[in-house]
Amino acid sequence: MGELIFVCLFMIAVGSLVYIKKYKNNGKPEAGIKRENLLDYYKDYSNLKLYWTSISFIVLGVIFLLTILILELVF
């Protein structure tokens, strides 16, 4: 059970670190803006994907920790 708690805390830490370092002051990255270079479309997509991945790591880590806590209290 300790390993699961460690993995959940690690997920929350990684998601928070990425969000704070890259997106805290800038907000959500824009996508769908007309670009002249095709590489810029890829950069927009990867930034948006990284943004949502960091948010999902935080949310999933918290949900899993709450689930483990509830299961520990019930059983």
PDB file of N, CA and C in Angstrom:
ATOM      1  N   MET A   1       0.823  -1.189   0.000  1.00  0.00           N
ATOM      2  CA  MET A   1       0.000   0.000   0.000  1.00  0.00           C
ATOM      3  C   MET A   1       0.868   1.255   0.000  1.00  0.00           C
ATOM      4  N   GLY A   2       2.029   1.163   0.632  1.00  0.00           N
ATOM      5  CA  GLY A   2       2.935   2.301   0.680  1.00  0.00           C
ATOM      6  C   GLY A   2       3.433   2.711  -0.696  1.00  0.00           C
ATOM      7  N   GLU A   3       3.625   1.702  -1.570  1.00  0.00           N
ATOM      8  CA  GLU A   3       4.082   2.002  -2.922  1.00  0.00           C
ATOM      9  C   GLU A   3       3.021   2.765  -3.707  1.00  0.00           C
ATOM     10  N   LEU A   4       1.758   2.391  -3.515  1.00  0.00           N
ATOM     11  CA  LEU A   4       0.677   3.090  -4.213  1.00  0.00           C
ATOM     12  C   LEU A   4       0.563   4.544  -3.755  1.00  0.00           C
ATOM     13  N   ILE A   5       0.710   4.755  -2.478  1.00  0.00           N
ATOM     14  CA  ILE A   5       0.656   6.121  -1.954  1.00  0.00           C
ATOM     15  C   ILE A   5       1.828   6.931  -2.493  1.00  0.00           C
ATOM     16  N   PHE A   6       3.007   6.321  -2.552  1.00  0.00           N
ATOM     17  CA  PHE A   6       4.175   7.002  -3.104  1.00  0.00           C
ATOM     18  C   PHE A   6       3.966   7.360  -4.575  1.00  0.00           C
ATOM     19  N   VAL A   7       3.404   6.448  -5.356  1.00  0.00           N
ATOM     20  CA  VAL A   7       3.145   6.714  -6.776  1.00  0.00           C
ATOM     21  C   VAL A   7       2.143   7.848  -6.934  1.00  0.00           C
ATOM     22  N   CYS A   8       1.103   7.859  -6.120  1.00  0.00           N
ATOM     23  CA  CYS A   8       0.118   8.936  -6.189  1.00  0.00           C
ATOM     24  C   CYS A   8       0.730  10.281  -5.819  1.00  0.00           C
ATOM     25  N   LEU A   9       1.527  10.303  -4.775  1.00  0.00           N
ATOM     26  CA  LEU A   9       2.193  11.547  -4.389  1.00  0.00           C
ATOM     27  C   LEU A   9       3.185  11.999  -5.463  1.00  0.00           C
ATOM     28  N   PHE A  10       3.854  11.048  -6.096  1.00  0.00           N
ATOM     29  CA  PHE A  10       4.781  11.383  -7.173  1.00  0.00           C
ATOM     30  C   PHE A  10       4.034  11.966  -8.376  1.00  0.00           C
ATOM     31  N   MET A  11       2.872  11.392  -8.706  1.00  0.00           N
ATOM     32  CA  MET A  11       2.060  11.929  -9.802  1.00  0.00           C
ATOM     33  C   MET A  11       1.634  13.365  -9.505  1.00  0.00           C
ATOM     34  N   ILE A  12       1.195  13.612  -8.295  1.00  0.00           N
ATOM     35  CA  ILE A  12       0.775  14.963  -7.914  1.00  0.00           C
ATOM     36  C   ILE A  12       1.959  15.919  -7.982  1.00  0.00           C
ATOM     37  N   ALA A  13       3.118  15.477  -7.511  1.00  0.00           N
ATOM     38  CA  ALA A  13       4.303  16.337  -7.514  1.00  0.00           C
ATOM     39  C   ALA A  13       4.754  16.670  -8.936  1.00  0.00           C
ATOM     40  N   VAL A  14       4.776  15.688  -9.814  1.00  0.00           N
ATOM     41  CA  VAL A  14       5.195  15.929 -11.195  1.00  0.00           C
ATOM     42  C   VAL A  14       4.210  16.853 -11.900  1.00  0.00           C
ATOM     43  N   GLY A  15       2.918  16.586 -11.753  1.00  0.00           N
ATOM     44  CA  GLY A  15       1.911  17.442 -12.375  1.00  0.00           C
ATOM     45  C   GLY A  15       1.979  18.867 -11.863  1.00  0.00           C
ATOM     46  N   SER A  16       2.163  19.026 -10.564  1.00  0.00           N
ATOM     47  CA  SER A  16       2.248  20.370  -9.983  1.00  0.00           C
ATOM     48  C   SER A  16       3.509  21.091 -10.438  1.00  0.00           C
ATOM     49  N   LEU A  17       4.620  20.369 -10.485  1.00  0.00           N
ATOM     50  CA  LEU A  17       5.871  20.980 -10.908  1.00  0.00           C
ATOM     51  C   LEU A  17       5.794  21.477 -12.349  1.00  0.00           C
ATOM     52  N   VAL A  18       5.250  20.666 -13.234  1.00  0.00           N
ATOM     53  CA  VAL A  18       5.122  21.072 -14.634  1.00  0.00           C
ATOM     54  C   VAL A  18       4.178  22.266 -14.752  1.00  0.00           C
ATOM     55  N   TYR A  19       3.070  22.220 -14.043  1.00  0.00           N
ATOM     56  CA  TYR A  19       2.106  23.313 -14.124  1.00  0.00           C
ATOM     57  C   TYR A  19       2.692  24.612 -13.584  1.00  0.00           C
ATOM     58  N   ILE A  20       3.355  24.544 -12.443  1.00  0.00           N
ATOM     59  CA  ILE A  20       3.908  25.755 -11.828  1.00  0.00           C
ATOM     60  C   ILE A  20       5.050  26.327 -12.667  1.00  0.00           C
ATOM     61  N   LYS A  21       5.943  25.469 -13.142  1.00  0.00           N
ATOM     62  CA  LYS A  21       7.097  25.943 -13.908  1.00  0.00           C
ATOM     63  C   LYS A  21       6.704  26.547 -15.254  1.00  0.00           C
ATOM     64  N   LYS A  22       5.724  25.943 -15.915  1.00  0.00           N
ATOM     65  CA  LYS A  22       5.476  26.333 -17.289  1.00  0.00           C
ATOM     66  C   LYS A  22       4.208  27.159 -17.509  1.00  0.00           C
ATOM     67  N   TYR A  23       3.161  26.919 -16.730  1.00  0.00           N
ATOM     68  CA  TYR A  23       1.868  27.497 -17.085  1.00  0.00           C
ATOM     69  C   TYR A  23       1.238  28.386 -16.025  1.00  0.00           C
ATOM     70  N   LYS A  24       1.841  28.540 -14.871  1.00  0.00           N
ATOM     71  CA  LYS A  24       1.186  29.286 -13.798  1.00  0.00           C
ATOM     72  C   LYS A  24       0.928  30.739 -14.189  1.00  0.00           C
ATOM     73  N   ASN A  25       1.905  31.435 -14.718  1.00  0.00           N
ATOM     74  CA  ASN A  25       1.738  32.838 -15.071  1.00  0.00           C
ATOM     75  C   ASN A  25       1.183  33.041 -16.471  1.00  0.00           C
ATOM     76  N   ASN A  26       1.346  32.057 -17.333  1.00  0.00           N
ATOM     77  CA  ASN A  26       0.936  32.209 -18.725  1.00  0.00           C
ATOM     78  C   ASN A  26      -0.502  31.792 -18.986  1.00  0.00           C
ATOM     79  N   GLY A  27      -1.045  30.910 -18.186  1.00  0.00           N
ATOM     80  CA  GLY A  27      -2.396  30.410 -18.421  1.00  0.00           C
ATOM     81  C   GLY A  27      -2.397  29.282 -19.437  1.00  0.00           C
ATOM     82  N   LYS A  28      -3.586  28.930 -19.877  1.00  0.00           N
ATOM     83  CA  LYS A  28      -3.746  27.835 -20.828  1.00  0.00           C
ATOM     84  C   LYS A  28      -3.186  28.241 -22.194  1.00  0.00           C
ATOM     85  N   PRO A  29      -2.398  27.366 -22.822  1.00  0.00           N
ATOM     86  CA  PRO A  29      -1.852  27.708 -24.147  1.00  0.00           C
ATOM     87  C   PRO A  29      -2.955  27.740 -25.204  1.00  0.00           C
ATOM     88  N   GLU A  30      -2.768  28.590 -26.169  1.00  0.00           N
ATOM     89  CA  GLU A  30      -3.736  28.738 -27.251  1.00  0.00           C
ATOM     90  C   GLU A  30      -3.491  27.687 -28.332  1.00  0.00           C
ATOM     91  N   ALA A  31      -4.561  27.264 -28.958  1.00  0.00           N
ATOM     92  CA  ALA A  31      -4.454  26.317 -30.067  1.00  0.00           C
ATOM     93  C   ALA A  31      -5.432  26.759 -31.146  1.00  0.00           C
ATOM     94  N   GLY A  32      -5.157  26.370 -32.365  1.00  0.00           N
ATOM     95  CA  GLY A  32      -6.036  26.702 -33.479  1.00  0.00           C
ATOM     96  C   GLY A  32      -5.772  28.063 -34.083  1.00  0.00           C
ATOM     97  N   ILE A  33      -4.663  28.689 -33.739  1.00  0.00           N
ATOM     98  CA  ILE A  33      -4.303  29.979 -34.312  1.00  0.00           C
ATOM     99  C   ILE A  33      -3.621  29.726 -35.652  1.00  0.00           C
ATOM    100  N   LYS A  34      -3.932  30.555 -36.639  1.00  0.00           N
ATOM    101  CA  LYS A  34      -3.302  30.406 -37.952  1.00  0.00           C
ATOM    102  C   LYS A  34      -1.809  30.672 -37.840  1.00  0.00           C
ATOM    103  N   ARG A  35      -1.025  29.742 -38.341  1.00  0.00           N
ATOM    104  CA  ARG A  35       0.435  29.842 -38.323  1.00  0.00           C
ATOM    105  C   ARG A  35       0.965  29.692 -39.742  1.00  0.00           C
ATOM    106  N   GLU A  36       2.094  30.289 -39.994  1.00  0.00           N
ATOM    107  CA  GLU A  36       2.718  30.158 -41.308  1.00  0.00           C
ATOM    108  C   GLU A  36       3.570  28.899 -41.403  1.00  0.00           C
ATOM    109  N   ASN A  37       4.192  28.527 -40.301  1.00  0.00           N
ATOM    110  CA  ASN A  37       5.076  27.374 -40.290  1.00  0.00           C
ATOM    111  C   ASN A  37       4.344  26.183 -39.684  1.00  0.00           C
ATOM    112  N   LEU A  38       4.468  25.026 -40.292  1.00  0.00           N
ATOM    113  CA  LEU A  38       3.806  23.834 -39.770  1.00  0.00           C
ATOM    114  C   LEU A  38       4.379  23.394 -38.436  1.00  0.00           C
ATOM    115  N   LEU A  39       5.636  23.685 -38.172  1.00  0.00           N
ATOM    116  CA  LEU A  39       6.255  23.313 -36.913  1.00  0.00           C
ATOM    117  C   LEU A  39       5.608  24.054 -35.743  1.00  0.00           C
ATOM    118  N   ASP A  40       5.107  25.252 -35.990  1.00  0.00           N
ATOM    119  CA  ASP A  40       4.425  26.007 -34.936  1.00  0.00           C
ATOM    120  C   ASP A  40       3.127  25.332 -34.508  1.00  0.00           C
ATOM    121  N   TYR A  41       2.433  24.686 -35.462  1.00  0.00           N
ATOM    122  CA  TYR A  41       1.231  23.930 -35.107  1.00  0.00           C
ATOM    123  C   TYR A  41       1.577  22.787 -34.165  1.00  0.00           C
ATOM    124  N   TYR A  42       2.688  22.108 -34.430  1.00  0.00           N
ATOM    125  CA  TYR A  42       3.122  21.013 -33.573  1.00  0.00           C
ATOM    126  C   TYR A  42       3.485  21.516 -32.184  1.00  0.00           C
ATOM    127  N   LYS A  43       4.159  22.656 -32.098  1.00  0.00           N
ATOM    128  CA  LYS A  43       4.516  23.237 -30.803  1.00  0.00           C
ATOM    129  C   LYS A  43       3.260  23.610 -30.015  1.00  0.00           C
ATOM    130  N   ASP A  44       2.258  24.192 -30.693  1.00  0.00           N
ATOM    131  CA  ASP A  44       1.002  24.523 -30.025  1.00  0.00           C
ATOM    132  C   ASP A  44       0.325  23.268 -29.485  1.00  0.00           C
ATOM    133  N   TYR A  45       0.294  22.231 -30.300  1.00  0.00           N
ATOM    134  CA  TYR A  45      -0.337  20.983 -29.898  1.00  0.00           C
ATOM    135  C   TYR A  45       0.390  20.342 -28.726  1.00  0.00           C
ATOM    136  N   SER A  46       1.719  20.319 -28.774  1.00  0.00           N
ATOM    137  CA  SER A  46       2.471  19.687 -27.689  1.00  0.00           C
ATOM    138  C   SER A  46       2.350  20.493 -26.392  1.00  0.00           C
ATOM    139  N   ASN A  47       2.305  21.818 -26.480  1.00  0.00           N
ATOM    140  CA  ASN A  47       2.110  22.634 -25.282  1.00  0.00           C
ATOM    141  C   ASN A  47       0.737  22.397 -24.672  1.00  0.00           C
ATOM    142  N   LEU A  48      -0.276  22.314 -25.512  1.00  0.00           N
ATOM    143  CA  LEU A  48      -1.626  22.057 -25.021  1.00  0.00           C
ATOM    144  C   LEU A  48      -1.729  20.664 -24.407  1.00  0.00           C
ATOM    145  N   LYS A  49      -1.103  19.691 -25.037  1.00  0.00           N
ATOM    146  CA  LYS A  49      -1.122  18.317 -24.508  1.00  0.00           C
ATOM    147  C   LYS A  49      -0.384  18.229 -23.171  1.00  0.00           C
ATOM    148  N   LEU A  50       0.750  18.912 -23.042  1.00  0.00           N
ATOM    149  CA  LEU A  50       1.490  18.929 -21.786  1.00  0.00           C
ATOM    150  C   LEU A  50       0.686  19.615 -20.691  1.00  0.00           C
ATOM    151  N   TYR A  51      -0.039  20.679 -21.043  1.00  0.00           N
ATOM    152  CA  TYR A  51      -0.883  21.384 -20.079  1.00  0.00           C
ATOM    153  C   TYR A  51      -1.954  20.451 -19.512  1.00  0.00           C
ATOM    154  N   TRP A  52      -2.670  19.770 -20.394  1.00  0.00           N
ATOM    155  CA  TRP A  52      -3.740  18.886 -19.923  1.00  0.00           C
ATOM    156  C   TRP A  52      -3.193  17.651 -19.220  1.00  0.00           C
ATOM    157  N   THR A  53      -2.013  17.187 -19.599  1.00  0.00           N
ATOM    158  CA  THR A  53      -1.397  16.059 -18.915  1.00  0.00           C
ATOM    159  C   THR A  53      -1.022  16.431 -17.490  1.00  0.00           C
ATOM    160  N   SER A  54      -0.483  17.632 -17.298  1.00  0.00           N
ATOM    161  CA  SER A  54      -0.124  18.049 -15.943  1.00  0.00           C
ATOM    162  C   SER A  54      -1.362  18.198 -15.067  1.00  0.00           C
ATOM    163  N   ILE A  55      -2.434  18.750 -15.612  1.00  0.00           N
ATOM    164  CA  ILE A  55      -3.682  18.878 -14.861  1.00  0.00           C
ATOM    165  C   ILE A  55      -4.247  17.495 -14.522  1.00  0.00           C
ATOM    166  N   SER A  56      -4.201  16.572 -15.485  1.00  0.00           N
ATOM    167  CA  SER A  56      -4.758  15.244 -15.229  1.00  0.00           C
ATOM    168  C   SER A  56      -3.919  14.465 -14.222  1.00  0.00           C
ATOM    169  N   PHE A  57      -2.600  14.652 -14.206  1.00  0.00           N
ATOM    170  CA  PHE A  57      -1.766  14.000 -13.193  1.00  0.00           C
ATOM    171  C   PHE A  57      -2.167  14.464 -11.802  1.00  0.00           C
ATOM    172  N   ILE A  58      -2.395  15.756 -11.643  1.00  0.00           N
ATOM    173  CA  ILE A  58      -2.795  16.281 -10.338  1.00  0.00           C
ATOM    174  C   ILE A  58      -4.146  15.705  -9.927  1.00  0.00           C
ATOM    175  N   VAL A  59      -5.119  15.746 -10.820  1.00  0.00           N
ATOM    176  CA  VAL A  59      -6.475  15.284 -10.505  1.00  0.00           C
ATOM    177  C   VAL A  59      -6.489  13.780 -10.226  1.00  0.00           C
ATOM    178  N   LEU A  60      -5.848  12.998 -11.074  1.00  0.00           N
ATOM    179  CA  LEU A  60      -5.840  11.547 -10.874  1.00  0.00           C
ATOM    180  C   LEU A  60      -5.101  11.155  -9.604  1.00  0.00           C
ATOM    181  N   GLY A  61      -4.007  11.834  -9.304  1.00  0.00           N
ATOM    182  CA  GLY A  61      -3.279  11.552  -8.075  1.00  0.00           C
ATOM    183  C   GLY A  61      -4.125  11.810  -6.844  1.00  0.00           C
ATOM    184  N   VAL A  62      -4.860  12.919  -6.844  1.00  0.00           N
ATOM    185  CA  VAL A  62      -5.730  13.234  -5.705  1.00  0.00           C
ATOM    186  C   VAL A  62      -6.869  12.227  -5.606  1.00  0.00           C
ATOM    187  N   ILE A  63      -7.474  11.870  -6.729  1.00  0.00           N
ATOM    188  CA  ILE A  63      -8.572  10.897  -6.713  1.00  0.00           C
ATOM    189  C   ILE A  63      -8.086   9.546  -6.195  1.00  0.00           C
ATOM    190  N   PHE A  64      -6.927   9.094  -6.667  1.00  0.00           N
ATOM    191  CA  PHE A  64      -6.393   7.813  -6.201  1.00  0.00           C
ATOM    192  C   PHE A  64      -6.056   7.845  -4.720  1.00  0.00           C
ATOM    193  N   LEU A  65      -5.492   8.968  -4.245  1.00  0.00           N
ATOM    194  CA  LEU A  65      -5.194   9.077  -2.808  1.00  0.00           C
ATOM    195  C   LEU A  65      -6.464   9.036  -1.976  1.00  0.00           C
ATOM    196  N   LEU A  66      -7.501   9.728  -2.420  1.00  0.00           N
ATOM    197  CA  LEU A  66      -8.776   9.688  -1.692  1.00  0.00           C
ATOM    198  C   LEU A  66      -9.377   8.285  -1.707  1.00  0.00           C
ATOM    199  N   THR A  67      -9.252   7.601  -2.836  1.00  0.00           N
ATOM    200  CA  THR A  67      -9.766   6.238  -2.929  1.00  0.00           C
ATOM    201  C   THR A  67      -9.015   5.308  -1.975  1.00  0.00           C
ATOM    202  N   ILE A  68      -7.703   5.434  -1.921  1.00  0.00           N
ATOM    203  CA  ILE A  68      -6.924   4.605  -0.993  1.00  0.00           C
ATOM    204  C   ILE A  68      -7.296   4.924   0.446  1.00  0.00           C
ATOM    205  N   LEU A  69      -7.474   6.193   0.756  1.00  0.00           N
ATOM    206  CA  LEU A  69      -7.861   6.586   2.115  1.00  0.00           C
ATOM    207  C   LEU A  69      -9.222   6.003   2.488  1.00  0.00           C
ATOM    208  N   ILE A  70     -10.169   6.085   1.603  1.00  0.00           N
ATOM    209  CA  ILE A  70     -11.504   5.537   1.876  1.00  0.00           C
ATOM    210  C   ILE A  70     -11.448   4.029   2.049  1.00  0.00           C
ATOM    211  N   LEU A  71     -10.689   3.346   1.186  1.00  0.00           N
ATOM    212  CA  LEU A  71     -10.571   1.884   1.301  1.00  0.00           C
ATOM    213  C   LEU A  71      -9.883   1.485   2.599  1.00  0.00           C
ATOM    214  N   GLU A  72      -8.902   2.245   3.024  1.00  0.00           N
ATOM    215  CA  GLU A  72      -8.218   1.953   4.277  1.00  0.00           C
ATOM    216  C   GLU A  72      -9.147   2.161   5.478  1.00  0.00           C
ATOM    217  N   LEU A  73      -9.973   3.179   5.407  1.00  0.00           N
ATOM    218  CA  LEU A  73     -10.901   3.443   6.522  1.00  0.00           C
ATOM    219  C   LEU A  73     -12.022   2.413   6.597  1.00  0.00           C
ATOM    220  N   VAL A  74     -12.486   1.944   5.450  1.00  0.00           N
ATOM    221  CA  VAL A  74     -13.586   0.983   5.422  1.00  0.00           C
ATOM    222  C   VAL A  74     -13.105  -0.400   5.809  1.00  0.00           C
ATOM    223  N   PHE A  75     -11.960  -0.819   5.287  1.00  0.00           N
ATOM    224  CA  PHE A  75     -11.477  -2.167   5.562  1.00  0.00           C
ATOM    225  C   PHE A  75     -10.422  -2.062   6.602  1.00  0.00           C
TER     226      PHE A  75
END
